[in-house]
């Protein structure tokens, strides 16, 4: 059995510190079914009322709505790893080095 160390957070502005990086978005249903994965490079992130807006170099904007998730935690087992949960569904956001 794996126990993850998680810490609750509410201040989404921490995402605005990430710049000129890559992000990996993993969407899970029913606890462990990975139904979607997205990965891209971005220049900056803006937070707008429970929504992350990624600005890419080519002018494309990617919006990630977070309103449907009821809790947000930082996974302390991995650096730069965030988890948004709603029952058995979750979105994991990871910023690799």
N, C-alpha and C. Protein backbone atom coordinates (compact mmCIF):
# COMPACT_ATOMS: atom_id res chain seq x y z
N UNK A 1 0.83 -1.19 0.00
CA UNK A 1 0.00 0.00 0.00
C UNK A 1 0.87 1.25 0.00
N UNK A 2 0.59 2.17 -0.91
CA UNK A 2 1.35 3.41 -1.02
C UNK A 2 0.59 4.52 -0.32
N UNK A 3 1.27 5.23 0.54
CA UNK A 3 0.67 6.38 1.23
C UNK A 3 1.36 7.64 0.71
N UNK A 4 0.59 8.51 0.12
CA UNK A 4 1.14 9.76 -0.40
C UNK A 4 1.04 10.85 0.65
N UNK A 5 2.07 11.64 0.74
CA UNK A 5 2.05 12.77 1.65
C UNK A 5 1.49 13.97 0.89
N UNK A 6 0.36 14.47 1.36
CA UNK A 6 -0.30 15.57 0.68
C UNK A 6 -0.59 16.69 1.66
N UNK A 7 -0.57 17.91 1.14
CA UNK A 7 -0.87 19.09 1.94
C UNK A 7 -1.90 19.92 1.19
N UNK A 8 -2.99 20.25 1.86
CA UNK A 8 -4.08 21.05 1.28
C UNK A 8 -3.57 22.46 0.96
N UNK A 9 -4.06 23.02 -0.15
CA UNK A 9 -3.76 24.43 -0.45
C UNK A 9 -4.96 25.06 -1.15
N UNK A 10 -5.08 26.36 -1.01
CA UNK A 10 -6.20 27.09 -1.61
C UNK A 10 -5.74 28.24 -2.50
N UNK A 11 -4.51 28.68 -2.34
CA UNK A 11 -4.01 29.83 -3.07
C UNK A 11 -3.45 29.41 -4.43
N UNK A 12 -4.24 29.55 -5.47
CA UNK A 12 -3.82 29.13 -6.81
C UNK A 12 -2.75 30.04 -7.41
N UNK A 13 -2.49 31.18 -6.81
CA UNK A 13 -1.49 32.09 -7.37
C UNK A 13 -0.09 31.48 -7.34
N UNK A 14 0.11 30.40 -6.60
CA UNK A 14 1.42 29.74 -6.61
C UNK A 14 1.79 29.28 -8.02
N UNK A 15 0.79 29.03 -8.87
CA UNK A 15 1.05 28.59 -10.24
C UNK A 15 1.65 29.71 -11.09
N UNK A 16 1.42 30.94 -10.73
CA UNK A 16 1.95 32.06 -11.51
C UNK A 16 3.46 32.17 -11.40
N UNK A 17 4.06 31.47 -10.45
CA UNK A 17 5.53 31.46 -10.31
C UNK A 17 6.19 30.62 -11.39
N UNK A 18 5.45 29.71 -11.99
CA UNK A 18 6.02 28.84 -13.02
C UNK A 18 6.05 29.58 -14.35
N UNK A 19 7.24 29.61 -14.95
CA UNK A 19 7.42 30.30 -16.23
C UNK A 19 8.39 29.50 -17.10
N UNK A 20 8.15 29.60 -18.43
CA UNK A 20 9.05 28.97 -19.40
C UNK A 20 9.38 27.53 -19.03
N UNK A 21 8.33 26.74 -18.92
CA UNK A 21 8.49 25.34 -18.49
C UNK A 21 7.57 24.44 -19.30
N UNK A 22 7.64 23.20 -18.93
CA UNK A 22 6.75 22.19 -19.47
C UNK A 22 5.75 21.83 -18.37
N UNK A 23 4.53 21.45 -18.77
CA UNK A 23 3.53 20.98 -17.82
C UNK A 23 2.94 19.68 -18.35
N UNK A 24 2.63 18.78 -17.41
CA UNK A 24 1.97 17.52 -17.73
C UNK A 24 0.64 17.50 -16.98
N UNK A 25 -0.45 17.26 -17.70
CA UNK A 25 -1.78 17.19 -17.12
C UNK A 25 -2.30 15.77 -17.27
N UNK A 26 -2.56 15.10 -16.15
CA UNK A 26 -3.12 13.75 -16.16
C UNK A 26 -4.52 13.79 -15.57
N UNK A 27 -5.50 13.32 -16.34
CA UNK A 27 -6.89 13.29 -15.90
C UNK A 27 -7.29 11.85 -15.59
N UNK A 28 -7.77 11.62 -14.38
CA UNK A 28 -8.16 10.27 -13.95
C UNK A 28 -9.65 10.22 -13.63
N UNK A 29 -10.26 9.06 -13.90
CA UNK A 29 -11.64 8.78 -13.51
C UNK A 29 -11.63 7.50 -12.68
N UNK A 30 -12.57 7.38 -11.77
CA UNK A 30 -12.71 6.16 -10.95
C UNK A 30 -11.39 5.78 -10.30
N UNK A 31 -10.73 6.72 -9.68
CA UNK A 31 -9.48 6.58 -8.95
C UNK A 31 -8.25 6.36 -9.83
N UNK A 32 -8.23 5.33 -10.66
CA UNK A 32 -6.98 4.99 -11.35
C UNK A 32 -7.06 4.89 -12.86
N UNK A 33 -8.18 5.22 -13.48
CA UNK A 33 -8.30 5.13 -14.93
C UNK A 33 -7.86 6.44 -15.56
N UNK A 34 -6.67 6.42 -16.18
CA UNK A 34 -6.14 7.60 -16.87
C UNK A 34 -6.86 7.72 -18.21
N UNK A 35 -7.72 8.73 -18.35
CA UNK A 35 -8.49 8.85 -19.58
C UNK A 35 -7.97 9.94 -20.51
N UNK A 36 -7.09 10.81 -19.99
CA UNK A 36 -6.55 11.87 -20.83
C UNK A 36 -5.22 12.35 -20.27
N UNK A 37 -4.28 12.61 -21.17
CA UNK A 37 -2.99 13.18 -20.77
C UNK A 37 -2.65 14.26 -21.78
N UNK A 38 -2.17 15.38 -21.26
CA UNK A 38 -1.75 16.48 -22.12
C UNK A 38 -0.41 16.99 -21.60
N UNK A 39 0.45 17.38 -22.52
CA UNK A 39 1.77 17.87 -22.14
C UNK A 39 2.17 18.96 -23.14
N UNK A 40 2.65 20.08 -22.63
CA UNK A 40 3.07 21.16 -23.53
C UNK A 40 4.00 22.12 -22.80
N UNK A 41 4.71 22.92 -23.57
CA UNK A 41 5.56 23.98 -23.03
C UNK A 41 4.76 25.29 -23.01
N UNK A 42 5.03 26.12 -22.03
CA UNK A 42 4.32 27.39 -21.89
C UNK A 42 5.29 28.47 -21.44
N UNK A 43 4.89 29.71 -21.64
CA UNK A 43 5.69 30.85 -21.19
C UNK A 43 5.29 31.34 -19.80
N UNK A 44 3.97 31.42 -19.56
CA UNK A 44 3.50 31.90 -18.26
C UNK A 44 2.11 31.35 -17.96
N UNK A 45 1.70 31.53 -16.70
CA UNK A 45 0.38 31.09 -16.24
C UNK A 45 -0.30 32.26 -15.55
N UNK A 46 -1.57 32.40 -15.82
CA UNK A 46 -2.40 33.39 -15.11
C UNK A 46 -3.51 32.64 -14.39
N UNK A 47 -3.83 33.06 -13.19
CA UNK A 47 -4.93 32.47 -12.42
C UNK A 47 -6.13 33.40 -12.53
N UNK A 48 -7.29 32.82 -12.87
CA UNK A 48 -8.51 33.60 -13.01
C UNK A 48 -9.68 32.82 -12.41
N UNK A 49 -10.02 33.09 -11.16
CA UNK A 49 -11.14 32.48 -10.44
C UNK A 49 -11.28 30.99 -10.76
N UNK A 50 -10.49 30.19 -10.13
CA UNK A 50 -10.54 28.72 -10.26
C UNK A 50 -10.31 28.24 -11.69
N UNK A 51 -9.45 28.99 -12.41
CA UNK A 51 -9.09 28.59 -13.77
C UNK A 51 -7.62 28.93 -13.97
N UNK A 52 -6.87 28.01 -14.56
CA UNK A 52 -5.48 28.28 -14.92
C UNK A 52 -5.44 28.57 -16.42
N UNK A 53 -4.76 29.65 -16.77
CA UNK A 53 -4.63 30.02 -18.17
C UNK A 53 -3.14 29.97 -18.53
N UNK A 54 -2.80 29.04 -19.41
CA UNK A 54 -1.42 28.87 -19.86
C UNK A 54 -1.23 29.64 -21.16
N UNK A 55 -0.17 30.43 -21.22
CA UNK A 55 0.17 31.19 -22.42
C UNK A 55 1.38 30.54 -23.07
N UNK A 56 1.18 30.09 -24.31
CA UNK A 56 2.26 29.45 -25.06
C UNK A 56 2.98 30.47 -25.93
N UNK A 57 4.19 30.11 -26.32
CA UNK A 57 5.03 30.99 -27.12
C UNK A 57 4.39 31.35 -28.46
N UNK A 58 3.65 30.43 -29.06
CA UNK A 58 3.05 30.65 -30.37
C UNK A 58 1.73 31.42 -30.30
N UNK A 59 1.39 31.96 -29.13
CA UNK A 59 0.18 32.74 -28.98
C UNK A 59 -1.05 31.94 -28.59
N UNK A 60 -0.93 30.63 -28.55
CA UNK A 60 -2.05 29.78 -28.15
C UNK A 60 -2.25 29.84 -26.64
N UNK A 61 -3.50 29.91 -26.25
CA UNK A 61 -3.86 29.93 -24.84
C UNK A 61 -4.57 28.62 -24.50
N UNK A 62 -4.16 28.00 -23.38
CA UNK A 62 -4.80 26.77 -22.91
C UNK A 62 -5.41 27.07 -21.55
N UNK A 63 -6.73 26.86 -21.43
CA UNK A 63 -7.43 27.12 -20.16
C UNK A 63 -7.78 25.80 -19.49
N UNK A 64 -7.50 25.72 -18.19
CA UNK A 64 -7.83 24.54 -17.41
C UNK A 64 -8.81 24.96 -16.32
N UNK A 65 -10.11 24.65 -16.48
CA UNK A 65 -11.08 25.00 -15.44
C UNK A 65 -10.93 24.07 -14.23
N UNK A 66 -10.93 24.65 -13.06
CA UNK A 66 -10.76 23.87 -11.83
C UNK A 66 -12.00 23.91 -10.95
N UNK A 67 -13.09 24.51 -11.44
CA UNK A 67 -14.31 24.68 -10.64
C UNK A 67 -14.94 23.36 -10.22
N UNK A 68 -14.80 22.33 -11.04
CA UNK A 68 -15.44 21.05 -10.75
C UNK A 68 -14.73 20.25 -9.66
N UNK A 69 -13.53 20.66 -9.29
CA UNK A 69 -12.78 19.95 -8.26
C UNK A 69 -13.04 20.56 -6.89
N UNK A 70 -13.27 19.69 -5.91
CA UNK A 70 -13.66 20.15 -4.58
C UNK A 70 -12.49 20.33 -3.62
N UNK A 71 -11.33 19.76 -3.96
CA UNK A 71 -10.16 19.94 -3.09
C UNK A 71 -8.89 19.99 -3.93
N UNK A 72 -7.89 20.64 -3.37
CA UNK A 72 -6.60 20.77 -4.03
C UNK A 72 -5.51 20.47 -3.02
N UNK A 73 -4.56 19.62 -3.42
CA UNK A 73 -3.46 19.26 -2.53
C UNK A 73 -2.14 19.33 -3.30
N UNK A 74 -1.09 19.55 -2.53
CA UNK A 74 0.27 19.46 -3.05
C UNK A 74 0.78 18.09 -2.65
N UNK A 75 1.32 17.36 -3.61
CA UNK A 75 1.90 16.05 -3.32
C UNK A 75 3.35 16.28 -2.90
N UNK A 76 3.65 16.09 -1.63
CA UNK A 76 4.99 16.34 -1.10
C UNK A 76 5.99 15.25 -1.47
N UNK A 77 5.51 14.11 -1.99
CA UNK A 77 6.41 13.04 -2.40
C UNK A 77 7.17 13.41 -3.68
N UNK A 78 6.61 14.31 -4.48
CA UNK A 78 7.22 14.73 -5.74
C UNK A 78 7.22 16.24 -5.81
N UNK A 79 8.30 16.80 -6.28
CA UNK A 79 8.42 18.25 -6.39
C UNK A 79 7.55 18.76 -7.54
N UNK A 80 6.89 19.88 -7.34
CA UNK A 80 6.09 20.55 -8.37
C UNK A 80 4.92 19.69 -8.87
N UNK A 81 4.23 19.04 -7.94
CA UNK A 81 3.16 18.09 -8.28
C UNK A 81 1.90 18.46 -7.51
N UNK A 82 0.81 18.73 -8.22
CA UNK A 82 -0.43 19.19 -7.60
C UNK A 82 -1.58 18.29 -8.03
N UNK A 83 -2.52 18.06 -7.10
CA UNK A 83 -3.65 17.17 -7.37
C UNK A 83 -4.95 17.88 -7.03
N UNK A 84 -5.86 17.89 -7.99
CA UNK A 84 -7.20 18.43 -7.79
C UNK A 84 -8.17 17.26 -7.80
N UNK A 85 -9.03 17.15 -6.77
CA UNK A 85 -9.90 15.98 -6.61
C UNK A 85 -11.38 16.37 -6.57
N UNK A 86 -12.18 15.43 -7.06
CA UNK A 86 -13.63 15.52 -6.93
C UNK A 86 -14.14 14.08 -6.86
N UNK A 87 -14.34 13.58 -5.65
CA UNK A 87 -14.73 12.19 -5.49
C UNK A 87 -13.64 11.28 -5.99
N UNK A 88 -13.97 10.41 -6.95
CA UNK A 88 -12.98 9.49 -7.49
C UNK A 88 -12.30 10.03 -8.74
N UNK A 89 -12.65 11.25 -9.16
CA UNK A 89 -12.01 11.88 -10.31
C UNK A 89 -10.94 12.84 -9.82
N UNK A 90 -9.88 12.97 -10.63
CA UNK A 90 -8.83 13.90 -10.22
C UNK A 90 -8.03 14.37 -11.44
N UNK A 91 -7.42 15.52 -11.26
CA UNK A 91 -6.50 16.09 -12.23
C UNK A 91 -5.17 16.25 -11.51
N UNK A 92 -4.12 15.68 -12.10
CA UNK A 92 -2.78 15.83 -11.55
C UNK A 92 -2.00 16.75 -12.48
N UNK A 93 -1.41 17.79 -11.90
CA UNK A 93 -0.63 18.75 -12.66
C UNK A 93 0.81 18.65 -12.18
N UNK A 94 1.71 18.42 -13.13
CA UNK A 94 3.12 18.22 -12.80
C UNK A 94 3.98 19.10 -13.68
N UNK A 95 4.97 19.75 -13.05
CA UNK A 95 5.90 20.60 -13.77
C UNK A 95 7.28 19.96 -13.70
N UNK A 96 7.67 19.19 -14.72
CA UNK A 96 9.01 18.56 -14.68
C UNK A 96 10.11 19.60 -14.83
N UNK A 97 11.30 19.23 -14.41
CA UNK A 97 12.47 20.15 -14.54
C UNK A 97 12.98 20.13 -15.94
